[in-house]
Every structure is written in structure tokens, then in C-alpha cells.
Amino acid sequence: MTSSQPVHSTAALESLLAFWVEGGVDAMLLDDPIDRIEAGKFVPPPAPTRLPLAAPTPIRPGQPDIGGALAKAQAAAAAAQDLAQLAEAVSAFDGCALRFEGAARQAVFCRGRPDAALMVIGEGPGAEEDAQGLPFVGRAGQLLDRMLAAAGLTDQVFITNTVFWRPPGNRTPTPAEQMVCQPFVERAIALVKPKMLLLVGGASAKAMLKKEEGILSLRGRWFEWRSAAGDQALPAMPTLHPAFLLRQPAAKKRAWSDLLTLAERLDRPERPA
């Protein structure tokens, strides 16, 4: 070793190795250095494109194709001559996947007056509704009841949802799930014969009105709901879901304004000023 060569102590070398280990270097892969910049200038030819093989769609028990499920729902709904028969048809229906995925206990169909002037349609049941078998009985439902009472509408409502089984994790029901339940909703409207609809929440408003706008854009406005066959038509007003109001109390005044507008159209003399 000449005097021009640096002298490294064992401690210095151990310290250097420890530095590289802490930096994530734990092995030497090559003996000779490689100029990575030069190597990066080489662009390899593209690999030939291979089309992936289409995987077969799994078929789960209780989840028939949408067309078949919709036809089955239409037949079952049309056969119901009253709300009791319609409730039985909903309970027996196995064409909605939610029955096998989210619901722990039972179908959740309706509550309220069978001859109500106002039909309230939400999106789907939650855990408390699944337990009791009735729509809007949890915290959000209790708020809805208080708001309806304040507007003088307690004895004038029939309440249901766009789907009748709890979605897993209380997620929003899919358009396909709402579609196969739609014949039951429409049959309920035909049997109750309400004067108008209150569509609670964005999922309900979009499904019933076939709109893409968000609920903040739709709420408080009058629309015409029409059945799939076009033989039924009713005025409908979207409003904010009470679950949203529990999270955003400042929005309650907008939902209250919607209820007052709706009550005025129902021409109730005892409505609030």
C-alpha cells in the first residue's frame, strides 16, 4: 500500500457498512459497476399484446339474471290485489341479491296508511329496520316522523323504500337492485293511490325519476313521476334524507322548506304558516 492510497480503519469500514444497511442496501449483486443512465437510454421493443381470456361470470344461488328477476317481480306484483298480498309477494321474492347478501332477518316493506295522500319512498332499510321489519324506524326514521308531525302529515303518509332488504354495510342500493324491486313499488303506488310522492334521498330520487343530478340539485323541485308502463303519473318532490340531516343539522331548514311546500300542495288547512 503506497502513501497516496487512503487508509481506512476497521471502525470506519464498519460505520460505512452500517450506513448502507440503514439505507436499505443489504447485498452486492454485481462485481462490476453499471452506468444506469446509459442503460436507461435503451428502449426495449414492446411485448406482443395478449388478449386476456374472459372469465366466466359466477352464478350465485338466489341471484338470477336481471331480466328474469324483473319478469318474476312484475308477475308477482301484478297478482297482488291488496297491500297484504303485495307484502307477502315481496317477502317471497328471491330475485333481489340483497335478500341473500345484506338482510339478516326479513324483508322490510312498508308502514303507514293504506289510503295515504302522500307516499314517502326512501332508498333501503338499515339495521334497525331489518330487525323490526318496518321502514324508517331507526334514528333517521324517528327524525322523519318528527318532521312529518311538525308539518301536520303524520296521518297522511305511507312509507316504503326502493329496495326491501338491507344492503351490506348500509351501502347505497345499486340500480340493478332497485330495478328488480321497482314493480313492487309501482304496485304499491297503484294500490294506495296517493296524491303525490316524497322521494327521500338521492338514491330514491334518481331511481324513481331516472335523473342523474345529485340530491342537492333535485331537492325542493317538483317533477312528474311516471310508471315504467306509462299508465301512472304523479307529482313528486325529492328531499334530503334524514340520515344526511343527522350529519348536517344546518341542512334541516332546507328539508323543512320542502315539507312545507309539499303540505301546501296537499292543501291542508292545518298546515304551519
C-alpha atoms as a PDB file:
ATOM      1  CA  MET A   1       0.000   0.000   0.000  1.00  0.00           C
ATOM      2  CA  THR A   2       1.513   3.361  -1.082  1.00  0.00           C
ATOM      3  CA  SER A   3       1.246   6.589   0.837  1.00  0.00           C
ATOM      4  CA  SER A   4      -1.145   8.021  -1.860  1.00  0.00           C
ATOM      5  CA  GLN A   5      -3.800   5.439  -1.083  1.00  0.00           C
ATOM      6  CA  PRO A   6      -6.284   6.294   1.680  1.00  0.00           C
ATOM      7  CA  VAL A   7      -6.094   4.250   4.818  1.00  0.00           C
ATOM      8  CA  HIS A   8      -9.431   3.077   6.281  1.00  0.00           C
ATOM      9  CA  SER A   9      -9.708   1.732   9.758  1.00  0.00           C
ATOM     10  CA  THR A  10     -11.894  -1.241  10.571  1.00  0.00           C
ATOM     11  CA  ALA A  11     -14.195   1.027  12.560  1.00  0.00           C
ATOM     12  CA  ALA A  12     -14.617   3.368   9.594  1.00  0.00           C
ATOM     13  CA  LEU A  13     -15.468   0.480   7.283  1.00  0.00           C
ATOM     14  CA  GLU A  14     -17.998  -0.932   9.765  1.00  0.00           C
ATOM     15  CA  SER A  15     -19.541   2.511  10.085  1.00  0.00           C
ATOM     16  CA  LEU A  16     -19.829   2.794   6.283  1.00  0.00           C
ATOM     17  CA  LEU A  17     -21.421  -0.644   6.012  1.00  0.00           C
ATOM     18  CA  ALA A  18     -23.870   0.228   8.765  1.00  0.00           C
ATOM     19  CA  PHE A  19     -24.792   3.395   6.863  1.00  0.00           C
ATOM     20  CA  TRP A  20     -25.631   1.435   3.717  1.00  0.00           C
ATOM     21  CA  VAL A  21     -27.560  -1.205   5.659  1.00  0.00           C
ATOM     22  CA  GLU A  22     -29.707   1.506   7.243  1.00  0.00           C
ATOM     23  CA  GLY A  23     -30.287   2.866   3.753  1.00  0.00           C
ATOM     24  CA  GLY A  24     -31.689  -0.475   2.636  1.00  0.00           C
ATOM     25  CA  VAL A  25     -28.629  -1.942   0.926  1.00  0.00           C
ATOM     26  CA  ASP A  26     -28.132  -5.492   2.163  1.00  0.00           C
ATOM     27  CA  ALA A  27     -26.410  -7.240  -0.741  1.00  0.00           C
ATOM     28  CA  MET A  28     -23.991  -6.651  -3.627  1.00  0.00           C
ATOM     29  CA  LEU A  29     -25.421  -8.102  -6.810  1.00  0.00           C
ATOM     30  CA  LEU A  30     -22.655  -7.268  -9.298  1.00  0.00           C
ATOM     31  CA  ASP A  31     -18.905  -7.086  -9.130  1.00  0.00           C
ATOM     32  CA  ASP A  32     -18.576  -4.530 -11.961  1.00  0.00           C
ATOM     33  CA  PRO A  33     -20.236  -1.099 -11.968  1.00  0.00           C
ATOM     34  CA  ILE A  34     -23.006  -0.322 -14.480  1.00  0.00           C
ATOM     35  CA  ASP A  35     -23.782   3.094 -15.956  1.00  0.00           C
ATOM     36  CA  ARG A  36     -27.521   3.151 -15.263  1.00  0.00           C
ATOM     37  CA  ILE A  37     -28.007   6.401 -17.191  1.00  0.00           C
ATOM     38  CA  GLU A  38     -26.631   4.886 -20.386  1.00  0.00           C
ATOM     39  CA  ALA A  39     -28.571   1.699 -19.805  1.00  0.00           C
ATOM     40  CA  GLY A  40     -31.757   3.697 -19.419  1.00  0.00           C
ATOM     41  CA  LYS A  41     -31.405   5.095 -22.947  1.00  0.00           C
ATOM     42  CA  PHE A  42     -32.189   1.692 -24.432  1.00  0.00           C
ATOM     43  CA  VAL A  43     -35.902   1.199 -25.077  1.00  0.00           C
ATOM     44  CA  PRO A  44     -36.869  -2.471 -25.370  1.00  0.00           C
ATOM     45  CA  PRO A  45     -39.397  -3.419 -28.062  1.00  0.00           C
ATOM     46  CA  PRO A  46     -42.973  -3.666 -26.819  1.00  0.00           C
ATOM     47  CA  ALA A  47     -44.152  -7.089 -25.805  1.00  0.00           C
ATOM     48  CA  PRO A  48     -46.822  -8.618 -28.046  1.00  0.00           C
ATOM     49  CA  THR A  49     -50.345  -7.811 -26.865  1.00  0.00           C
ATOM     50  CA  ARG A  50     -52.232 -10.758 -25.495  1.00  0.00           C
ATOM     51  CA  LEU A  51     -55.938 -10.522 -25.007  1.00  0.00           C
ATOM     52  CA  PRO A  52     -56.990 -11.857 -21.605  1.00  0.00           C
ATOM     53  CA  LEU A  53     -59.317 -14.783 -21.580  1.00  0.00           C
ATOM     54  CA  ALA A  54     -62.805 -13.807 -20.484  1.00  0.00           C
ATOM     55  CA  ALA A  55     -63.550 -15.257 -17.078  1.00  0.00           C
ATOM     56  CA  PRO A  56     -66.968 -16.848 -16.756  1.00  0.00           C
ATOM     57  CA  THR A  57     -69.415 -14.841 -14.669  1.00  0.00           C
ATOM     58  CA  PRO A  58     -70.105 -16.739 -11.454  1.00  0.00           C
ATOM     59  CA  ILE A  59     -73.735 -17.522 -10.793  1.00  0.00           C
ATOM     60  CA  ARG A  60     -74.648 -17.374  -7.141  1.00  0.00           C
ATOM     61  CA  PRO A  61     -77.678 -19.043  -5.665  1.00  0.00           C
ATOM     62  CA  GLY A  62     -80.591 -16.638  -5.386  1.00  0.00           C
ATOM     63  CA  GLN A  63     -79.111 -14.217  -7.939  1.00  0.00           C
ATOM     64  CA  PRO A  64     -80.825 -14.833 -11.290  1.00  0.00           C
ATOM     65  CA  ASP A  65     -80.297 -12.645 -14.337  1.00  0.00           C
ATOM     66  CA  ILE A  66     -81.841  -9.190 -14.153  1.00  0.00           C
ATOM     67  CA  GLY A  67     -84.294  -9.802 -16.977  1.00  0.00           C
ATOM     68  CA  GLY A  68     -85.630 -12.977 -15.410  1.00  0.00           C
ATOM     69  CA  ALA A  69     -85.824 -11.422 -11.965  1.00  0.00           C
ATOM     70  CA  LEU A  70     -87.643  -8.368 -13.305  1.00  0.00           C
ATOM     71  CA  ALA A  71     -90.199 -10.502 -15.138  1.00  0.00           C
ATOM     72  CA  LYS A  72     -90.773 -12.530 -11.990  1.00  0.00           C
ATOM     73  CA  ALA A  73     -91.242  -9.355  -9.928  1.00  0.00           C
ATOM     74  CA  GLN A  74     -93.685  -7.929 -12.448  1.00  0.00           C
ATOM     75  CA  ALA A  75     -95.806 -11.090 -12.372  1.00  0.00           C
ATOM     76  CA  ALA A  76     -95.803 -11.313  -8.568  1.00  0.00           C
ATOM     77  CA  ALA A  77     -96.642  -7.627  -8.134  1.00  0.00           C
ATOM     78  CA  ALA A  78     -99.449  -7.685 -10.694  1.00  0.00           C
ATOM     79  CA  ALA A  79    -101.053 -10.675  -8.960  1.00  0.00           C
ATOM     80  CA  ALA A  80    -101.326  -8.838  -5.625  1.00  0.00           C
ATOM     81  CA  GLN A  81    -104.854  -7.490  -5.141  1.00  0.00           C
ATOM     82  CA  ASP A  82    -104.165  -5.588  -1.917  1.00  0.00           C
ATOM     83  CA  LEU A  83    -101.252  -4.455   0.242  1.00  0.00           C
ATOM     84  CA  ALA A  84    -101.313  -7.610   2.384  1.00  0.00           C
ATOM     85  CA  GLN A  85    -100.875  -9.774  -0.707  1.00  0.00           C
ATOM     86  CA  LEU A  86     -98.211  -7.424  -2.002  1.00  0.00           C
ATOM     87  CA  ALA A  87     -96.300  -7.703   1.298  1.00  0.00           C
ATOM     88  CA  GLU A  88     -96.456 -11.494   1.007  1.00  0.00           C
ATOM     89  CA  ALA A  89     -95.188 -11.302  -2.578  1.00  0.00           C
ATOM     90  CA  VAL A  90     -92.260  -9.116  -1.514  1.00  0.00           C
ATOM     91  CA  SER A  91     -91.394 -11.487   1.336  1.00  0.00           C
ATOM     92  CA  ALA A  92     -91.418 -14.484  -1.005  1.00  0.00           C
ATOM     93  CA  PHE A  93     -89.450 -12.808  -3.804  1.00  0.00           C
ATOM     94  CA  ASP A  94     -85.948 -14.226  -4.290  1.00  0.00           C
ATOM     95  CA  GLY A  95     -84.889 -12.242  -7.347  1.00  0.00           C
ATOM     96  CA  CYS A  96     -83.033  -9.483  -5.485  1.00  0.00           C
ATOM     97  CA  ALA A  97     -79.490 -10.353  -4.417  1.00  0.00           C
ATOM     98  CA  LEU A  98     -79.850  -8.230  -1.273  1.00  0.00           C
ATOM     99  CA  ARG A  99     -82.074 -10.907   0.218  1.00  0.00           C
ATOM    100  CA  PHE A 100     -79.009 -13.179   0.372  1.00  0.00           C
ATOM    101  CA  GLU A 101     -76.301 -10.572   0.972  1.00  0.00           C
ATOM    102  CA  GLY A 102     -77.410  -7.842   3.346  1.00  0.00           C
ATOM    103  CA  ALA A 103     -80.618  -8.847   5.073  1.00  0.00           C
ATOM    104  CA  ALA A 104     -80.105 -10.660   8.355  1.00  0.00           C
ATOM    105  CA  ARG A 105     -83.749 -11.353   9.143  1.00  0.00           C
ATOM    106  CA  GLN A 106     -86.553 -10.317   6.823  1.00  0.00           C
ATOM    107  CA  ALA A 107     -87.981  -8.181   4.071  1.00  0.00           C
ATOM    108  CA  VAL A 108     -88.863  -4.606   5.029  1.00  0.00           C
ATOM    109  CA  PHE A 109     -91.843  -3.450   3.002  1.00  0.00           C
ATOM    110  CA  CYS A 110     -93.984  -0.650   4.389  1.00  0.00           C
ATOM    111  CA  ARG A 111     -95.762   1.157   7.195  1.00  0.00           C
ATOM    112  CA  GLY A 112     -98.456   3.822   7.298  1.00  0.00           C
ATOM    113  CA  ARG A 113    -101.957   4.422   5.968  1.00  0.00           C
ATOM    114  CA  PRO A 114    -103.132   2.182   3.110  1.00  0.00           C
ATOM    115  CA  ASP A 115    -105.052   5.143   1.642  1.00  0.00           C
ATOM    116  CA  ALA A 116    -102.450   7.833   2.292  1.00  0.00           C
ATOM    117  CA  ALA A 117    -102.418  11.085   0.359  1.00  0.00           C
ATOM    118  CA  LEU A 118     -98.611  11.087   0.459  1.00  0.00           C
ATOM    119  CA  MET A 119     -96.246   8.208  -0.255  1.00  0.00           C
ATOM    120  CA  VAL A 120     -92.735   8.550   1.164  1.00  0.00           C
ATOM    121  CA  ILE A 121     -90.105   6.481  -0.678  1.00  0.00           C
ATOM    122  CA  GLY A 122     -86.624   6.102   0.787  1.00  0.00           C
ATOM    123  CA  GLU A 123     -83.680   4.120  -0.539  1.00  0.00           C
ATOM    124  CA  GLY A 124     -83.398   0.985   1.619  1.00  0.00           C
ATOM    125  CA  PRO A 125     -83.627  -0.409   5.150  1.00  0.00           C
ATOM    126  CA  GLY A 126     -80.841  -0.297   7.731  1.00  0.00           C
ATOM    127  CA  ALA A 127     -80.020  -2.491  10.706  1.00  0.00           C
ATOM    128  CA  GLU A 128     -82.911  -1.357  12.895  1.00  0.00           C
ATOM    129  CA  GLU A 129     -85.359  -1.694  10.029  1.00  0.00           C
ATOM    130  CA  ASP A 130     -84.052  -5.179   9.280  1.00  0.00           C
ATOM    131  CA  ALA A 131     -84.594  -6.116  12.918  1.00  0.00           C
ATOM    132  CA  GLN A 132     -88.135  -4.743  13.157  1.00  0.00           C
ATOM    133  CA  GLY A 133     -89.340  -5.399   9.615  1.00  0.00           C
ATOM    134  CA  LEU A 134     -90.539  -1.798   9.186  1.00  0.00           C
ATOM    135  CA  PRO A 135     -89.033   1.081   7.168  1.00  0.00           C
ATOM    136  CA  PHE A 136     -87.653   4.239   8.789  1.00  0.00           C
ATOM    137  CA  VAL A 137     -87.716   3.178  12.436  1.00  0.00           C
ATOM    138  CA  GLY A 138     -84.088   3.952  13.349  1.00  0.00           C
ATOM    139  CA  ARG A 139     -82.673   7.367  14.256  1.00  0.00           C
ATOM    140  CA  ALA A 140     -83.219   8.698  10.746  1.00  0.00           C
ATOM    141  CA  GLY A 141     -86.785   7.403  10.733  1.00  0.00           C
ATOM    142  CA  GLN A 142     -87.525   8.980  14.072  1.00  0.00           C
ATOM    143  CA  LEU A 143     -86.346  12.336  12.719  1.00  0.00           C
ATOM    144  CA  LEU A 144     -88.503  11.827   9.628  1.00  0.00           C
ATOM    145  CA  ASP A 145     -91.535  11.147  11.840  1.00  0.00           C
ATOM    146  CA  ARG A 146     -90.920  14.319  13.851  1.00  0.00           C
ATOM    147  CA  MET A 147     -90.653  16.378  10.683  1.00  0.00           C
ATOM    148  CA  LEU A 148     -93.832  14.883   9.217  1.00  0.00           C
ATOM    149  CA  ALA A 149     -95.644  15.546  12.502  1.00  0.00           C
ATOM    150  CA  ALA A 150     -94.481  19.155  12.559  1.00  0.00           C
ATOM    151  CA  ALA A 151     -95.809  19.592   9.014  1.00  0.00           C
ATOM    152  CA  GLY A 152     -99.143  18.060  10.011  1.00  0.00           C
ATOM    153  CA  LEU A 153     -98.653  14.994   7.813  1.00  0.00           C
ATOM    154  CA  THR A 154     -98.393  12.166  10.351  1.00  0.00           C
ATOM    155  CA  ASP A 155    -101.709  10.516   9.473  1.00  0.00           C
ATOM    156  CA  GLN A 156    -101.382  11.093   5.744  1.00  0.00           C
ATOM    157  CA  VAL A 157     -98.327   9.024   4.817  1.00  0.00           C
ATOM    158  CA  PHE A 158     -97.443   5.588   3.520  1.00  0.00           C
ATOM    159  CA  ILE A 159     -93.722   4.815   3.818  1.00  0.00           C
ATOM    160  CA  THR A 160     -91.648   2.363   1.799  1.00  0.00           C
ATOM    161  CA  ASN A 161     -88.240   2.101   0.047  1.00  0.00           C
ATOM    162  CA  THR A 162     -86.809   1.425  -3.393  1.00  0.00           C
ATOM    163  CA  VAL A 163     -85.446  -1.919  -2.103  1.00  0.00           C
ATOM    164  CA  PHE A 164     -86.800  -4.118   0.673  1.00  0.00           C
ATOM    165  CA  TRP A 165     -83.686  -5.784   2.070  1.00  0.00           C
ATOM    166  CA  ARG A 166     -80.787  -4.168   3.878  1.00  0.00           C
ATOM    167  CA  PRO A 167     -77.745  -3.577   1.631  1.00  0.00           C
ATOM    168  CA  PRO A 168     -74.475  -4.911   3.120  1.00  0.00           C
ATOM    169  CA  GLY A 169     -72.841  -2.302   5.313  1.00  0.00           C
ATOM    170  CA  ASN A 170     -75.762   0.058   4.660  1.00  0.00           C
ATOM    171  CA  ARG A 171     -74.311   0.899   1.257  1.00  0.00           C
ATOM    172  CA  THR A 172     -76.428   2.589  -1.405  1.00  0.00           C
ATOM    173  CA  PRO A 173     -78.528   0.074  -3.350  1.00  0.00           C
ATOM    174  CA  THR A 174     -77.417  -0.464  -6.927  1.00  0.00           C
ATOM    175  CA  PRO A 175     -79.601   0.477  -9.916  1.00  0.00           C
ATOM    176  CA  ALA A 176     -79.992  -3.253 -10.692  1.00  0.00           C
ATOM    177  CA  GLU A 177     -81.246  -3.959  -7.173  1.00  0.00           C
ATOM    178  CA  GLN A 178     -83.679  -1.068  -7.407  1.00  0.00           C
ATOM    179  CA  MET A 179     -84.831  -2.163 -10.853  1.00  0.00           C
ATOM    180  CA  VAL A 180     -85.940  -5.637  -9.777  1.00  0.00           C
ATOM    181  CA  CYS A 181     -87.852  -4.149  -6.825  1.00  0.00           C
ATOM    182  CA  GLN A 182     -89.482  -1.418  -8.914  1.00  0.00           C
ATOM    183  CA  PRO A 183     -92.600  -3.444  -9.885  1.00  0.00           C
ATOM    184  CA  PHE A 184     -93.471  -3.831  -6.193  1.00  0.00           C
ATOM    185  CA  VAL A 185     -93.043  -0.091  -5.587  1.00  0.00           C
ATOM    186  CA  GLU A 186     -95.220   0.735  -8.576  1.00  0.00           C
ATOM    187  CA  ARG A 187     -97.879  -1.761  -7.479  1.00  0.00           C
ATOM    188  CA  ALA A 188     -97.893  -0.179  -4.023  1.00  0.00           C
ATOM    189  CA  ILE A 189     -98.485   3.211  -5.635  1.00  0.00           C
ATOM    190  CA  ALA A 190    -101.357   1.766  -7.670  1.00  0.00           C
ATOM    191  CA  LEU A 191    -102.968   0.235  -4.580  1.00  0.00           C
ATOM    192  CA  VAL A 192    -102.509   3.186  -2.213  1.00  0.00           C
ATOM    193  CA  LYS A 193    -103.377   5.818  -4.840  1.00  0.00           C
ATOM    194  CA  PRO A 194    -101.514   8.731  -3.202  1.00  0.00           C
ATOM    195  CA  LYS A 195    -101.812  12.275  -4.491  1.00  0.00           C
ATOM    196  CA  MET A 196     -98.054  12.764  -4.615  1.00  0.00           C
ATOM    197  CA  LEU A 197     -94.661  11.261  -3.767  1.00  0.00           C
ATOM    198  CA  LEU A 198     -91.918  12.431  -1.419  1.00  0.00           C
ATOM    199  CA  LEU A 199     -88.614  10.936  -2.578  1.00  0.00           C
ATOM    200  CA  VAL A 200     -86.214  10.825   0.347  1.00  0.00           C
ATOM    201  CA  GLY A 201     -82.529  10.926  -0.547  1.00  0.00           C
ATOM    202  CA  GLY A 202     -80.536  10.868  -3.762  1.00  0.00           C
ATOM    203  CA  ALA A 203     -80.782   7.115  -4.389  1.00  0.00           C
ATOM    204  CA  SER A 204     -84.561   7.248  -4.248  1.00  0.00           C
ATOM    205  CA  ALA A 205     -84.878  10.385  -6.385  1.00  0.00           C
ATOM    206  CA  LYS A 206     -82.543   9.083  -9.089  1.00  0.00           C
ATOM    207  CA  ALA A 207     -84.217   5.675  -9.262  1.00  0.00           C
ATOM    208  CA  MET A 208     -87.793   6.964  -9.291  1.00  0.00           C
ATOM    209  CA  LEU A 209     -87.261   9.943 -11.603  1.00  0.00           C
ATOM    210  CA  LYS A 210     -84.493   8.473 -13.790  1.00  0.00           C
ATOM    211  CA  LYS A 211     -82.326  11.516 -13.122  1.00  0.00           C
ATOM    212  CA  GLU A 212     -78.566  11.810 -12.818  1.00  0.00           C
ATOM    213  CA  GLU A 213     -78.322  15.033 -10.795  1.00  0.00           C
ATOM    214  CA  GLY A 214     -77.416  14.954  -7.117  1.00  0.00           C
ATOM    215  CA  ILE A 215     -79.993  15.410  -4.402  1.00  0.00           C
ATOM    216  CA  LEU A 216     -78.817  18.951  -3.597  1.00  0.00           C
ATOM    217  CA  SER A 217     -79.774  19.900  -7.140  1.00  0.00           C
ATOM    218  CA  LEU A 218     -83.040  17.931  -7.235  1.00  0.00           C
ATOM    219  CA  ARG A 219     -84.461  18.718  -3.790  1.00  0.00           C
ATOM    220  CA  GLY A 220     -87.303  21.155  -3.373  1.00  0.00           C
ATOM    221  CA  ARG A 221     -88.356  20.923  -7.035  1.00  0.00           C
ATOM    222  CA  TRP A 222     -91.472  19.348  -8.496  1.00  0.00           C
ATOM    223  CA  PHE A 223     -91.114  16.555 -11.036  1.00  0.00           C
ATOM    224  CA  GLU A 224     -93.538  14.187 -12.693  1.00  0.00           C
ATOM    225  CA  TRP A 225     -93.036  10.552 -11.796  1.00  0.00           C
ATOM    226  CA  ARG A 226     -94.262   8.064 -14.389  1.00  0.00           C
ATOM    227  CA  SER A 227     -94.511   4.289 -14.068  1.00  0.00           C
ATOM    228  CA  ALA A 228     -92.494   2.027 -16.340  1.00  0.00           C
ATOM    229  CA  ALA A 229     -95.598   1.263 -18.408  1.00  0.00           C
ATOM    230  CA  GLY A 230     -96.580   4.923 -18.507  1.00  0.00           C
ATOM    231  CA  ASP A 231    -100.042   4.260 -17.081  1.00  0.00           C
ATOM    232  CA  GLN A 232     -99.393   6.076 -13.777  1.00  0.00           C
ATOM    233  CA  ALA A 233     -98.187   9.636 -13.202  1.00  0.00           C
ATOM    234  CA  LEU A 234     -97.862  11.677 -10.023  1.00  0.00           C
ATOM    235  CA  PRO A 235     -96.175  14.879  -8.866  1.00  0.00           C
ATOM    236  CA  ALA A 236     -93.021  14.043  -6.925  1.00  0.00           C
ATOM    237  CA  MET A 237     -90.673  16.090  -4.800  1.00  0.00           C
ATOM    238  CA  PRO A 238     -87.159  14.939  -3.817  1.00  0.00           C
ATOM    239  CA  THR A 239     -85.818  15.999  -0.435  1.00  0.00           C
ATOM    240  CA  LEU A 240     -82.797  15.369   1.759  1.00  0.00           C
ATOM    241  CA  HIS A 241     -82.515  12.072   3.599  1.00  0.00           C
ATOM    242  CA  PRO A 242     -82.913  12.379   7.378  1.00  0.00           C
ATOM    243  CA  ALA A 243     -79.681  10.411   7.823  1.00  0.00           C
ATOM    244  CA  PHE A 244     -77.938  13.277   5.990  1.00  0.00           C
ATOM    245  CA  LEU A 245     -79.702  15.775   8.234  1.00  0.00           C
ATOM    246  CA  LEU A 246     -78.368  13.985  11.314  1.00  0.00           C
ATOM    247  CA  ARG A 247     -74.852  14.509   9.975  1.00  0.00           C
ATOM    248  CA  GLN A 248     -75.517  18.028   8.689  1.00  0.00           C
ATOM    249  CA  PRO A 249     -78.057  19.684  11.040  1.00  0.00           C
ATOM    250  CA  ALA A 250     -77.733  23.005   9.213  1.00  0.00           C
ATOM    251  CA  ALA A 251     -79.464  21.425   6.206  1.00  0.00           C
ATOM    252  CA  LYS A 252     -82.666  20.764   8.172  1.00  0.00           C
ATOM    253  CA  LYS A 253     -84.121  24.123   7.172  1.00  0.00           C
ATOM    254  CA  ARG A 254     -83.972  23.114   3.506  1.00  0.00           C
ATOM    255  CA  ALA A 255     -85.756  19.820   4.164  1.00  0.00           C
ATOM    256  CA  TRP A 256     -88.323  21.685   6.283  1.00  0.00           C
ATOM    257  CA  SER A 257     -88.923  24.097   3.412  1.00  0.00           C
ATOM    258  CA  ASP A 258     -89.527  21.115   1.114  1.00  0.00           C
ATOM    259  CA  LEU A 259     -92.118  19.675   3.507  1.00  0.00           C
ATOM    260  CA  LEU A 260     -93.938  22.986   3.786  1.00  0.00           C
ATOM    261  CA  THR A 261     -94.108  23.280   0.004  1.00  0.00           C
ATOM    262  CA  LEU A 262     -95.443  19.750  -0.241  1.00  0.00           C
ATOM    263  CA  ALA A 263     -98.007  20.287   2.531  1.00  0.00           C
ATOM    264  CA  GLU A 264     -99.235  23.410   0.769  1.00  0.00           C
ATOM    265  CA  ARG A 265     -99.806  21.474  -2.419  1.00  0.00           C
ATOM    266  CA  LEU A 266    -101.738  18.845  -0.496  1.00  0.00           C
ATOM    267  CA  ASP A 267    -103.966  21.789   0.531  1.00  0.00           C
ATOM    268  CA  ARG A 268    -104.023  21.011   4.226  1.00  0.00           C
ATOM    269  CA  PRO A 269    -105.801  23.808   6.157  1.00  0.00           C
ATOM    270  CA  GLU A 270    -103.943  22.913   9.361  1.00  0.00           C
ATOM    271  CA  ARG A 271    -100.526  23.244   7.786  1.00  0.00           C
ATOM    272  CA  PRO A 272     -97.998  25.517   9.579  1.00  0.00           C
ATOM    273  CA  ALA A 273     -97.809  29.121   8.425  1.00  0.00           C
END
